C-alpha atoms as a PDB file:
ATOM      1  CA  MET A   1     228.776 -28.830 -77.921  1.00  0.00           C
ATOM      2  CA  LYS A   2     225.331 -29.478 -79.400  1.00  0.00           C
ATOM      3  CA  THR A   3     224.686 -28.153 -82.876  1.00  0.00           C
ATOM      4  CA  ASN A   4     221.293 -26.744 -81.904  1.00  0.00           C
ATOM      5  CA  GLN A   5     222.671 -24.739 -79.012  1.00  0.00           C
ATOM      6  CA  SER A   6     221.746 -21.039 -79.187  1.00  0.00           C
ATOM      7  CA  GLU A   7     224.377 -18.332 -79.666  1.00  0.00           C
ATOM      8  CA  GLU A   8     223.684 -17.011 -76.175  1.00  0.00           C
ATOM      9  CA  ASP A   9     224.123 -20.468 -74.640  1.00  0.00           C
ATOM     10  CA  ARG A  10     227.388 -20.942 -76.505  1.00  0.00           C
ATOM     11  CA  LEU A  11     228.644 -17.573 -75.346  1.00  0.00           C
ATOM     12  CA  LEU A  12     227.680 -18.203 -71.733  1.00  0.00           C
ATOM     13  CA  GLY A  13     229.420 -21.542 -71.970  1.00  0.00           C
ATOM     14  CA  GLU A  14     232.542 -19.830 -73.246  1.00  0.00           C
ATOM     15  CA  ILE A  15     232.355 -17.287 -70.434  1.00  0.00           C
ATOM     16  CA  ASN A  16     232.435 -20.124 -67.921  1.00  0.00           C
ATOM     17  CA  MET A  17     235.381 -21.850 -69.601  1.00  0.00           C
ATOM     18  CA  SER A  18     238.609 -22.260 -67.697  1.00  0.00           C
ATOM     19  CA  ASN A  19     241.340 -19.812 -68.644  1.00  0.00           C
ATOM     20  CA  ASN A  20     243.485 -22.860 -69.446  1.00  0.00           C
ATOM     21  CA  GLU A  21     241.139 -24.068 -72.158  1.00  0.00           C
ATOM     22  CA  THR A  22     241.993 -23.400 -75.775  1.00  0.00           C
ATOM     23  CA  GLY A  23     239.894 -23.107 -78.881  1.00  0.00           C
ATOM     24  CA  PHE A  24     238.883 -20.671 -81.557  1.00  0.00           C
ATOM     25  CA  ILE A  25     238.670 -17.805 -79.091  1.00  0.00           C
ATOM     26  CA  LYS A  26     242.014 -16.690 -77.675  1.00  0.00           C
ATOM     27  CA  PHE A  27     241.802 -15.458 -74.120  1.00  0.00           C
ATOM     28  CA  LEU A  28     243.895 -12.470 -73.118  1.00  0.00           C
ATOM     29  CA  THR A  29     244.663 -11.020 -69.707  1.00  0.00           C
ATOM     30  CA  LEU A  30     243.268  -7.577 -69.018  1.00  0.00           C
ATOM     31  CA  LEU A  31     245.863  -5.296 -67.458  1.00  0.00           C
ATOM     32  CA  LEU A  32     243.941  -2.684 -65.533  1.00  0.00           C
ATOM     33  CA  VAL A  33     246.622  -0.997 -63.453  1.00  0.00           C
ATOM     34  CA  LEU A  34     246.848   2.721 -64.153  1.00  0.00           C
ATOM     35  CA  GLY A  35     250.588   2.655 -63.667  1.00  0.00           C
ATOM     36  CA  LEU A  36     250.960   0.406 -66.702  1.00  0.00           C
ATOM     37  CA  ILE A  37     249.562   3.154 -68.916  1.00  0.00           C
ATOM     38  CA  SER A  38     252.420   5.545 -68.198  1.00  0.00           C
ATOM     39  CA  GLY A  39     254.778   2.617 -68.633  1.00  0.00           C
ATOM     40  CA  PHE A  40     254.040   2.129 -72.304  1.00  0.00           C
ATOM     41  CA  THR A  41     252.573   5.374 -73.635  1.00  0.00           C
ATOM     42  CA  GLY A  42     255.917   7.111 -73.450  1.00  0.00           C
ATOM     43  CA  CYS A  43     257.680   4.620 -75.732  1.00  0.00           C
ATOM     44  CA  GLU A  44     254.902   3.329 -77.946  1.00  0.00           C
ATOM     45  CA  THR A  45     252.796   4.834 -80.675  1.00  0.00           C
ATOM     46  CA  SER A  46     249.099   5.467 -80.073  1.00  0.00           C
ATOM     47  CA  THR A  47     246.730   5.122 -82.990  1.00  0.00           C
ATOM     48  CA  HIS A  48     242.993   5.758 -83.110  1.00  0.00           C
ATOM     49  CA  LEU A  49     240.799   3.040 -84.523  1.00  0.00           C
ATOM     50  CA  ASN A  50     238.718   5.000 -86.993  1.00  0.00           C
ATOM     51  CA  PHE A  51     239.656   4.375 -90.607  1.00  0.00           C
ATOM     52  CA  ASN A  52     238.868   4.902 -94.261  1.00  0.00           C
ATOM     53  CA  GLN A  53     235.945   2.887 -95.615  1.00  0.00           C
ATOM     54  CA  ALA A  54     238.268   1.176 -98.086  1.00  0.00           C
ATOM     55  CA  GLU A  55     240.286  -0.461 -95.294  1.00  0.00           C
ATOM     56  CA  HIS A  56     239.616  -3.672 -93.369  1.00  0.00           C
ATOM     57  CA  ASP A  57     236.806  -3.973 -90.911  1.00  0.00           C
ATOM     58  CA  GLU A  58     236.234  -6.885 -88.545  1.00  0.00           C
ATOM     59  CA  ILE A  59     237.555  -7.615 -85.020  1.00  0.00           C
ATOM     60  CA  ILE A  60     240.915  -9.461 -85.080  1.00  0.00           C
ATOM     61  CA  GLY A  61     240.681 -13.114 -84.054  1.00  0.00           C
ATOM     62  CA  GLY A  62     236.996 -12.775 -83.305  1.00  0.00           C
ATOM     63  CA  LYS A  63     233.931 -14.905 -83.806  1.00  0.00           C
ATOM     64  CA  ASN A  64     231.080 -13.987 -86.130  1.00  0.00           C
ATOM     65  CA  VAL A  65     227.947 -12.732 -84.338  1.00  0.00           C
ATOM     66  CA  LYS A  66     224.932 -14.642 -85.642  1.00  0.00           C
ATOM     67  CA  ILE A  67     221.571 -12.980 -86.206  1.00  0.00           C
ATOM     68  CA  SER A  68     220.109 -15.183 -83.446  1.00  0.00           C
ATOM     69  CA  SER A  69     222.530 -13.757 -80.880  1.00  0.00           C
ATOM     70  CA  GLN A  70     221.432 -10.991 -78.525  1.00  0.00           C
ATOM     71  CA  PHE A  71     224.619  -9.157 -79.542  1.00  0.00           C
ATOM     72  CA  SER A  72     223.281  -8.809 -83.078  1.00  0.00           C
ATOM     73  CA  LYS A  73     221.245  -5.835 -81.859  1.00  0.00           C
ATOM     74  CA  LYS A  74     223.531  -4.508 -79.124  1.00  0.00           C
ATOM     75  CA  VAL A  75     226.216  -2.954 -81.319  1.00  0.00           C
ATOM     76  CA  ILE A  76     225.425  -0.220 -83.841  1.00  0.00           C
ATOM     77  CA  TYR A  77     227.415   0.400 -87.003  1.00  0.00           C
ATOM     78  CA  LEU A  78     228.297   4.099 -87.420  1.00  0.00           C
ATOM     79  CA  SER A  79     228.803   5.210 -91.006  1.00  0.00           C
ATOM     80  CA  LEU A  80     230.909   8.382 -91.241  1.00  0.00           C
ATOM     81  CA  GLY A  81     231.144  10.972 -93.999  1.00  0.00           C
ATOM     82  CA  VAL A  82     227.806   9.924 -95.461  1.00  0.00           C
ATOM     83  CA  GLU A  83     226.765  11.544 -98.747  1.00  0.00           C
ATOM     84  CA  ARG A  84     223.314  10.852-100.178  1.00  0.00           C
ATOM     85  CA  THR A  85     222.602  11.301-103.875  1.00  0.00           C
ATOM     86  CA  LYS A  86     219.201  10.867-105.474  1.00  0.00           C
ATOM     87  CA  THR A  87     219.232   8.794-108.652  1.00  0.00           C
ATOM     88  CA  ASN A  88     216.573   7.435-111.003  1.00  0.00           C
ATOM     89  CA  SER A  89     216.857   4.061-109.305  1.00  0.00           C
ATOM     90  CA  GLY A  90     216.689   5.452-105.756  1.00  0.00           C
ATOM     91  CA  THR A  91     219.230   6.800-103.271  1.00  0.00           C
ATOM     92  CA  SER A  92     222.966   6.355-103.710  1.00  0.00           C
ATOM     93  CA  LEU A  93     225.161   6.436-100.597  1.00  0.00           C
ATOM     94  CA  LYS A  94     228.864   7.161-100.298  1.00  0.00           C
ATOM     95  CA  THR A  95     230.741   6.837 -96.996  1.00  0.00           C
ATOM     96  CA  GLN A  96     234.261   7.641 -95.837  1.00  0.00           C
ATOM     97  CA  GLY A  97     234.680   5.617 -92.658  1.00  0.00           C
ATOM     98  CA  LEU A  98     233.126   3.627 -89.862  1.00  0.00           C
ATOM     99  CA  CYS A  99     233.030   3.225 -86.111  1.00  0.00           C
ATOM    100  CA  SER A 100     230.927   1.212 -83.686  1.00  0.00           C
ATOM    101  CA  ALA A 101     228.522   2.334 -80.961  1.00  0.00           C
ATOM    102  CA  SER A 102     225.958   1.070 -78.455  1.00  0.00           C
ATOM    103  CA  ALA A 103     222.484   2.292 -77.560  1.00  0.00           C
ATOM    104  CA  ILE A 104     221.915   3.410 -73.961  1.00  0.00           C
ATOM    105  CA  SER A 105     218.362   4.641 -74.599  1.00  0.00           C
ATOM    106  CA  LYS A 106     215.864   4.660 -77.469  1.00  0.00           C
ATOM    107  CA  ARG A 107     217.488   7.711 -79.057  1.00  0.00           C
ATOM    108  CA  ILE A 108     220.991   7.939 -77.558  1.00  0.00           C
ATOM    109  CA  LEU A 109     224.124   6.115 -78.700  1.00  0.00           C
ATOM    110  CA  LEU A 110     227.416   5.931 -76.803  1.00  0.00           C
ATOM    111  CA  THR A 111     230.638   5.950 -78.828  1.00  0.00           C
ATOM    112  CA  ALA A 112     234.171   7.376 -78.877  1.00  0.00           C
ATOM    113  CA  ALA A 113     234.704  11.114 -79.310  1.00  0.00           C
ATOM    114  CA  HIS A 114     237.378  10.669 -81.975  1.00  0.00           C
ATOM    115  CA  CYS A 115     234.853   8.814 -84.139  1.00  0.00           C
ATOM    116  CA  VAL A 116     232.615  11.829 -84.626  1.00  0.00           C
ATOM    117  CA  ASP A 117     234.537  14.962 -83.631  1.00  0.00           C
ATOM    118  CA  LYS A 118     235.311  15.835 -87.258  1.00  0.00           C
ATOM    119  CA  TRP A 119     231.826  15.187 -88.647  1.00  0.00           C
ATOM    120  CA  GLU A 120     228.591  17.134 -88.683  1.00  0.00           C
ATOM    121  CA  PRO A 121     225.467  15.261 -87.507  1.00  0.00           C
ATOM    122  CA  SER A 122     224.213  15.198 -91.106  1.00  0.00           C
ATOM    123  CA  GLU A 123     227.339  13.262 -92.106  1.00  0.00           C
ATOM    124  CA  VAL A 124     226.832  10.440 -89.596  1.00  0.00           C
ATOM    125  CA  ASN A 125     224.333   7.590 -89.841  1.00  0.00           C
ATOM    126  CA  ALA A 126     223.556   4.703 -87.499  1.00  0.00           C
ATOM    127  CA  VAL A 127     223.110   1.500 -89.476  1.00  0.00           C
ATOM    128  CA  LEU A 128     220.972  -1.328 -88.084  1.00  0.00           C
ATOM    129  CA  SER A 129     222.546  -4.269 -89.861  1.00  0.00           C
ATOM    130  CA  LEU A 130     224.992  -7.059 -89.053  1.00  0.00           C
ATOM    131  CA  ASN A 131     226.458  -6.682 -92.521  1.00  0.00           C
ATOM    132  CA  PRO A 132     225.583  -3.209 -93.895  1.00  0.00           C
ATOM    133  CA  PHE A 133     227.452  -3.521 -97.191  1.00  0.00           C
ATOM    134  CA  LYS A 134     226.694  -7.092 -98.150  1.00  0.00           C
ATOM    135  CA  LYS A 135     225.845  -7.185-101.836  1.00  0.00           C
ATOM    136  CA  GLY A 136     222.107  -7.139-102.403  1.00  0.00           C
ATOM    137  CA  SER A 137     221.227  -6.485 -98.755  1.00  0.00           C
ATOM    138  CA  PHE A 138     221.171  -2.665 -98.709  1.00  0.00           C
ATOM    139  CA  ASN A 139     218.037  -1.227 -97.124  1.00  0.00           C
ATOM    140  CA  GLU A 140     217.871   2.534 -96.650  1.00  0.00           C
ATOM    141  CA  LYS A 141     215.390   2.048 -93.785  1.00  0.00           C
ATOM    142  CA  ASP A 142     218.264   0.584 -91.765  1.00  0.00           C
ATOM    143  CA  TRP A 143     220.183   3.866 -92.065  1.00  0.00           C
ATOM    144  CA  ILE A 144     219.107   6.253 -89.294  1.00  0.00           C
ATOM    145  CA  LYS A 145     220.023   9.923 -89.477  1.00  0.00           C
ATOM    146  CA  VAL A 146     221.679  11.739 -86.571  1.00  0.00           C
ATOM    147  CA  GLU A 147     220.248  14.929 -85.041  1.00  0.00           C
ATOM    148  CA  LYS A 148     222.873  15.900 -82.454  1.00  0.00           C
ATOM    149  CA  ILE A 149     226.377  14.955 -81.335  1.00  0.00           C
ATOM    150  CA  LYS A 150     227.794  15.691 -77.880  1.00  0.00           C
ATOM    151  CA  ILE A 151     231.575  15.433 -77.432  1.00  0.00           C
ATOM    152  CA  HIS A 152     233.051  15.225 -73.928  1.00  0.00           C
ATOM    153  CA  GLU A 153     234.202  18.740 -73.018  1.00  0.00           C
ATOM    154  CA  ASN A 154     237.554  17.466 -71.722  1.00  0.00           C
ATOM    155  CA  TYR A 155     238.320  15.120 -74.595  1.00  0.00           C
ATOM    156  CA  ARG A 156     241.915  15.409 -75.727  1.00  0.00           C
ATOM    157  CA  THR A 157     244.496  13.397 -77.639  1.00  0.00           C
ATOM    158  CA  THR A 158     247.746  14.890 -76.340  1.00  0.00           C
ATOM    159  CA  PRO A 159     249.866  14.131 -74.437  1.00  0.00           C
ATOM    160  CA  THR A 160     247.587  11.138 -73.855  1.00  0.00           C
ATOM    161  CA  VAL A 161     244.060  10.288 -74.970  1.00  0.00           C
ATOM    162  CA  GLU A 162     241.551  11.199 -72.269  1.00  0.00           C
ATOM    163  CA  ASN A 163     237.750  11.344 -71.970  1.00  0.00           C
ATOM    164  CA  ASP A 164     237.240   9.765 -75.382  1.00  0.00           C
ATOM    165  CA  PHE A 165     233.445   9.741 -75.126  1.00  0.00           C
ATOM    166  CA  ALA A 166     230.642  11.046 -77.320  1.00  0.00           C
ATOM    167  CA  LEU A 167     226.868  10.772 -77.321  1.00  0.00           C
ATOM    168  CA  ILE A 168     224.702  10.721 -80.437  1.00  0.00           C
ATOM    169  CA  ARG A 169     221.004  11.566 -80.665  1.00  0.00           C
ATOM    170  CA  LEU A 170     219.181   9.680 -83.401  1.00  0.00           C
ATOM    171  CA  ALA A 171     216.338  10.999 -85.524  1.00  0.00           C
ATOM    172  CA  LYS A 172     214.043   8.141 -84.506  1.00  0.00           C
ATOM    173  CA  ASP A 173     213.591   5.646 -81.690  1.00  0.00           C
ATOM    174  CA  LEU A 174     215.277   2.270 -81.514  1.00  0.00           C
ATOM    175  CA  ASP A 175     213.565  -0.877 -80.270  1.00  0.00           C
ATOM    176  CA  ASP A 176     214.038  -1.764 -76.611  1.00  0.00           C
ATOM    177  CA  ASP A 177     216.044  -4.894 -77.402  1.00  0.00           C
ATOM    178  CA  ARG A 178     218.856  -2.718 -78.780  1.00  0.00           C
ATOM    179  CA  ILE A 179     219.386  -0.867 -75.495  1.00  0.00           C
ATOM    180  CA  SER A 180     222.170  -1.813 -73.057  1.00  0.00           C
ATOM    181  CA  LYS A 181     222.672  -0.715 -69.454  1.00  0.00           C
ATOM    182  CA  LEU A 182     225.830   0.895 -68.115  1.00  0.00           C
ATOM    183  CA  ALA A 183     227.947  -0.881 -65.509  1.00  0.00           C
ATOM    184  CA  THR A 184     227.726   0.388 -61.924  1.00  0.00           C
ATOM    185  CA  SER A 185     230.334   0.557 -59.171  1.00  0.00           C
ATOM    186  CA  ASP A 186     228.432  -1.915 -56.982  1.00  0.00           C
ATOM    187  CA  GLN A 187     228.956  -4.695 -59.525  1.00  0.00           C
ATOM    188  CA  THR A 188     231.503  -7.407 -58.650  1.00  0.00           C
ATOM    189  CA  TYR A 189     234.251  -7.544 -61.277  1.00  0.00           C
ATOM    190  CA  GLU A 190     236.355 -10.455 -60.036  1.00  0.00           C
ATOM    191  CA  ASN A 191     236.748 -13.526 -62.253  1.00  0.00           C
ATOM    192  CA  MET A 192     234.749 -12.019 -65.095  1.00  0.00           C
ATOM    193  CA  GLU A 193     235.307 -11.757 -68.840  1.00  0.00           C
ATOM    194  CA  LEU A 194     235.095  -8.710 -71.079  1.00  0.00           C
ATOM    195  CA  VAL A 195     233.263  -9.207 -74.355  1.00  0.00           C
ATOM    196  CA  THR A 196     235.012  -7.118 -77.005  1.00  0.00           C
ATOM    197  CA  ILE A 197     232.787  -6.658 -80.014  1.00  0.00           C
ATOM    198  CA  GLY A 198     232.721  -4.483 -83.103  1.00  0.00           C
ATOM    199  CA  TYR A 199     232.875  -4.077 -86.869  1.00  0.00           C
ATOM    200  CA  GLY A 200     236.667  -3.663 -86.970  1.00  0.00           C
ATOM    201  CA  ARG A 201     239.433  -5.443 -88.855  1.00  0.00           C
ATOM    202  CA  THR A 202     239.962  -9.221 -88.773  1.00  0.00           C
ATOM    203  CA  GLN A 203     243.541  -8.883 -89.992  1.00  0.00           C
ATOM    204  CA  VAL A 204     246.263  -6.443 -89.028  1.00  0.00           C
ATOM    205  CA  SER A 205     247.916  -6.453 -92.440  1.00  0.00           C
ATOM    206  CA  GLY A 206     247.024  -7.156 -96.012  1.00  0.00           C
ATOM    207  CA  SER A 207     243.650  -6.609 -97.598  1.00  0.00           C
ATOM    208  CA  ASP A 208     240.576  -8.567 -96.561  1.00  0.00           C
ATOM    209  CA  ARG A 209     237.983  -6.483 -98.357  1.00  0.00           C
ATOM    210  CA  SER A 210     237.583  -3.862-101.088  1.00  0.00           C
ATOM    211  CA  SER A 211     235.634  -0.629-101.152  1.00  0.00           C
ATOM    212  CA  GLU A 212     233.540  -1.950-104.023  1.00  0.00           C
ATOM    213  CA  SER A 213     232.491  -5.174-102.284  1.00  0.00           C
ATOM    214  CA  ALA A 214     232.666  -4.005 -98.700  1.00  0.00           C
ATOM    215  CA  GLU A 215     231.213  -6.383 -96.142  1.00  0.00           C
ATOM    216  CA  SER A 216     231.295  -5.131 -92.547  1.00  0.00           C
ATOM    217  CA  ILE A 217     230.438  -8.033 -90.293  1.00  0.00           C
ATOM    218  CA  LEU A 218     230.010  -7.912 -86.519  1.00  0.00           C
ATOM    219  CA  TYR A 219     232.489 -10.031 -84.544  1.00  0.00           C
ATOM    220  CA  TYR A 220     233.124 -10.648 -80.843  1.00  0.00           C
ATOM    221  CA  LEU A 221     236.017 -11.927 -78.709  1.00  0.00           C
ATOM    222  CA  LEU A 222     236.221 -12.803 -74.995  1.00  0.00           C
ATOM    223  CA  LYS A 223     238.923 -11.266 -72.775  1.00  0.00           C
ATOM    224  CA  PRO A 224     239.180 -12.453 -69.141  1.00  0.00           C
ATOM    225  CA  PHE A 225     240.618 -10.109 -66.536  1.00  0.00           C
ATOM    226  CA  GLU A 226     242.155 -10.958 -63.204  1.00  0.00           C
ATOM    227  CA  PHE A 227     241.497  -7.744 -61.293  1.00  0.00           C
ATOM    228  CA  PHE A 228     239.905  -4.356 -61.778  1.00  0.00           C
ATOM    229  CA  GLU A 229     240.211  -0.938 -60.156  1.00  0.00           C
ATOM    230  CA  ILE A 230     236.949   0.912 -60.682  1.00  0.00           C
ATOM    231  CA  ASN A 231     238.668   4.315 -60.500  1.00  0.00           C
ATOM    232  CA  ASP A 232     241.073   3.642 -63.364  1.00  0.00           C
ATOM    233  CA  PRO A 233     240.209   5.888 -66.347  1.00  0.00           C
ATOM    234  CA  THR A 234     241.017   3.179 -68.878  1.00  0.00           C
ATOM    235  CA  ILE A 235     240.921  -0.574 -69.407  1.00  0.00           C
ATOM    236  CA  ILE A 236     243.994  -2.067 -71.074  1.00  0.00           C
ATOM    237  CA  ILE A 237     243.895  -5.247 -73.159  1.00  0.00           C
ATOM    238  CA  ASN A 238     247.000  -7.235 -74.035  1.00  0.00           C
ATOM    239  CA  GLN A 239     246.917  -7.807 -77.808  1.00  0.00           C
ATOM    240  CA  THR A 240     250.464  -9.021 -78.330  1.00  0.00           C
ATOM    241  CA  ASP A 241     249.099 -12.374 -79.528  1.00  0.00           C
ATOM    242  CA  GLU A 242     247.574 -10.487 -82.474  1.00  0.00           C
ATOM    243  CA  THR A 243     243.933 -10.681 -81.413  1.00  0.00           C
ATOM    244  CA  GLY A 244     241.653  -7.897 -80.211  1.00  0.00           C
ATOM    245  CA  ILE A 245     240.281  -4.539 -81.255  1.00  0.00           C
ATOM    246  CA  CYS A 246     241.512  -2.715 -84.345  1.00  0.00           C
ATOM    247  CA  SER A 247     240.404  -0.265 -87.045  1.00  0.00           C
ATOM    248  CA  GLY A 248     236.634   0.106 -87.119  1.00  0.00           C
ATOM    249  CA  ASP A 249     236.095  -1.076 -83.529  1.00  0.00           C
ATOM    250  CA  SER A 250     236.388   2.439 -82.078  1.00  0.00           C
ATOM    251  CA  GLY A 251     233.391   3.374 -79.975  1.00  0.00           C
ATOM    252  CA  SER A 252     232.278  -0.219 -79.560  1.00  0.00           C
ATOM    253  CA  PRO A 253     231.144  -1.396 -76.116  1.00  0.00           C
ATOM    254  CA  GLY A 254     233.135  -3.697 -73.880  1.00  0.00           C
ATOM    255  CA  PHE A 255     230.484  -5.872 -72.227  1.00  0.00           C
ATOM    256  CA  ILE A 256     230.576  -7.804 -68.968  1.00  0.00           C
ATOM    257  CA  PHE A 257     227.970 -10.303 -67.823  1.00  0.00           C
ATOM    258  CA  ASN A 258     225.906  -9.360 -64.767  1.00  0.00           C
ATOM    259  CA  LYS A 259     225.238 -12.707 -63.097  1.00  0.00           C
ATOM    260  CA  LYS A 260     222.462 -11.285 -60.922  1.00  0.00           C
ATOM    261  CA  THR A 261     220.387  -9.782 -63.719  1.00  0.00           C
ATOM    262  CA  LYS A 262     221.574 -12.263 -66.371  1.00  0.00           C
ATOM    263  CA  GLU A 263     222.366  -9.515 -68.861  1.00  0.00           C
ATOM    264  CA  PHE A 264     225.395  -7.970 -70.520  1.00  0.00           C
ATOM    265  CA  ILE A 265     226.210  -4.418 -69.426  1.00  0.00           C
ATOM    266  CA  ILE A 266     228.663  -1.842 -70.796  1.00  0.00           C
ATOM    267  CA  LEU A 267     231.945  -1.495 -68.891  1.00  0.00           C
ATOM    268  CA  GLY A 268     234.103   0.217 -71.510  1.00  0.00           C
ATOM    269  CA  VAL A 269     234.204   2.056 -74.837  1.00  0.00           C
ATOM    270  CA  ALA A 270     236.933   1.100 -77.332  1.00  0.00           C
ATOM    271  CA  SER A 271     239.257   4.054 -77.851  1.00  0.00           C
ATOM    272  CA  TYR A 272     242.685   3.332 -79.353  1.00  0.00           C
ATOM    273  CA  VAL A 273     245.564   0.894 -79.716  1.00  0.00           C
ATOM    274  CA  THR A 274     249.201   1.335 -78.715  1.00  0.00           C
ATOM    275  CA  HIS A 275     251.931  -0.726 -80.300  1.00  0.00           C
ATOM    276  CA  PRO A 276     255.675  -1.242 -79.766  1.00  0.00           C
ATOM    277  CA  GLU A 277     257.827   0.463 -82.357  1.00  0.00           C
ATOM    278  CA  ASN A 278     259.707  -2.780 -82.980  1.00  0.00           C
ATOM    279  CA  THR A 279     256.578  -4.782 -83.799  1.00  0.00           C
ATOM    280  CA  SER A 280     256.746  -5.287 -87.530  1.00  0.00           C
ATOM    281  CA  THR A 281     255.617  -7.321 -90.488  1.00  0.00           C
ATOM    282  CA  GLU A 282     257.862  -8.902 -93.089  1.00  0.00           C
ATOM    283  CA  SER A 283     257.984  -5.498 -94.758  1.00  0.00           C
ATOM    284  CA  ASN A 284     259.308  -4.001 -91.496  1.00  0.00           C
ATOM    285  CA  VAL A 285     256.236  -1.830 -90.959  1.00  0.00           C
ATOM    286  CA  ALA A 286     254.888  -1.457 -87.415  1.00  0.00           C
ATOM    287  CA  GLU A 287     251.542  -3.196 -86.919  1.00  0.00           C
ATOM    288  CA  PRO A 288     249.040  -0.857 -85.207  1.00  0.00           C
ATOM    289  CA  CYS A 289     247.034  -3.587 -83.456  1.00  0.00           C
ATOM    290  CA  HIS A 290     249.768  -5.811 -81.989  1.00  0.00           C
ATOM    291  CA  GLY A 291     250.215  -3.963 -78.701  1.00  0.00           C
ATOM    292  CA  TYR A 292     247.533  -2.969 -76.201  1.00  0.00           C
ATOM    293  CA  GLY A 293     243.898  -2.134 -76.813  1.00  0.00           C
ATOM    294  CA  ILE A 294     242.615   0.743 -74.703  1.00  0.00           C
ATOM    295  CA  TYR A 295     239.010   1.131 -73.534  1.00  0.00           C
ATOM    296  CA  MET A 296     237.654   4.181 -71.746  1.00  0.00           C
ATOM    297  CA  ASN A 297     236.213   3.109 -68.374  1.00  0.00           C
ATOM    298  CA  VAL A 298     232.472   3.766 -68.201  1.00  0.00           C
ATOM    299  CA  LEU A 299     232.480   3.631 -64.387  1.00  0.00           C
ATOM    300  CA  THR A 300     234.672   6.724 -64.037  1.00  0.00           C
ATOM    301  CA  HIS A 301     232.578   8.625 -66.610  1.00  0.00           C
ATOM    302  CA  ARG A 302     229.121   7.345 -65.759  1.00  0.00           C
ATOM    303  CA  GLU A 303     227.954  10.674 -64.319  1.00  0.00           C
ATOM    304  CA  TRP A 304     228.920  12.549 -67.487  1.00  0.00           C
ATOM    305  CA  ILE A 305     227.265   9.942 -69.701  1.00  0.00           C
ATOM    306  CA  THR A 306     223.952   9.858 -67.848  1.00  0.00           C
ATOM    307  CA  LYS A 307     223.744  13.633 -67.332  1.00  0.00           C
ATOM    308  CA  ASN A 308     224.424  14.482 -70.970  1.00  0.00           C
ATOM    309  CA  ALA A 309     222.238  11.681 -72.292  1.00  0.00           C
ATOM    310  CA  ILE A 310     219.333  13.263 -70.426  1.00  0.00           C
ATOM    311  CA  GLY A 311     220.305  16.642 -71.862  1.00  0.00           C
ATOM    312  CA  LEU A 312     220.187  15.297 -75.419  1.00  0.00           C
ATOM    313  CA  ASN A 313     216.765  13.677 -74.991  1.00  0.00           C
END
């Protein structure tokens, strides 16, 4: 691989790799049969991905998104529980959590309902940075206030998580290069890879960051799938090899590559992770990200997304 190859070229090269190839990126099989959901939700614990700001926050087993990559602008950091305080030296910000999101228009973000259902619009900010908390890089202009939040009317968490979608209206427009299109049912989904991407944890245990020196860096990971039923409400990712989505990745888009238009489009929204009760660390504590990552399927909710996005504009 040439050292001057662009991030996009590298990614496209990885997308065309054989499933038998190995390397930094671990490829997982996507299990998209609805029947599998009922098979493991009854005996495994479901856990949402949103988390306290003091916890870890990069995608497990992922690859750092460079500023030159098109993905650097396609995923939005959501800061939750934002409190602004005016000081003599400027504005001080305190936050309580994070999620990820994607822009589907200049003003509208798509994310998971559980990310924002407990927050008022004034307590949520969209942050336009690959590394919002890197020391010395804070820029208040990157923090965009939220005007409205729309939660899916049929969102629920029991007995299973359903309709985990929310739309966010921003206080100002985003640039066009931050906007992503939604997948459509006429797209061919055979022999394609899902790009999982977000600001979530890079480790499932231990501490990889502190609240005082928090660095939330965008990472991505490729997940090939063998088949896909467009009417399934969820997309299931096998994470038993300890790679995939985790805390902080909630609401992030699952991208697929449209070979006709040569662009990445949104197929799913990261929702939650299930894990076997017997999966444990040395301290015998169940690891929340060692089971199956669950994405909400955009195709089965596309009508709701587009209709309500128009209503928020």
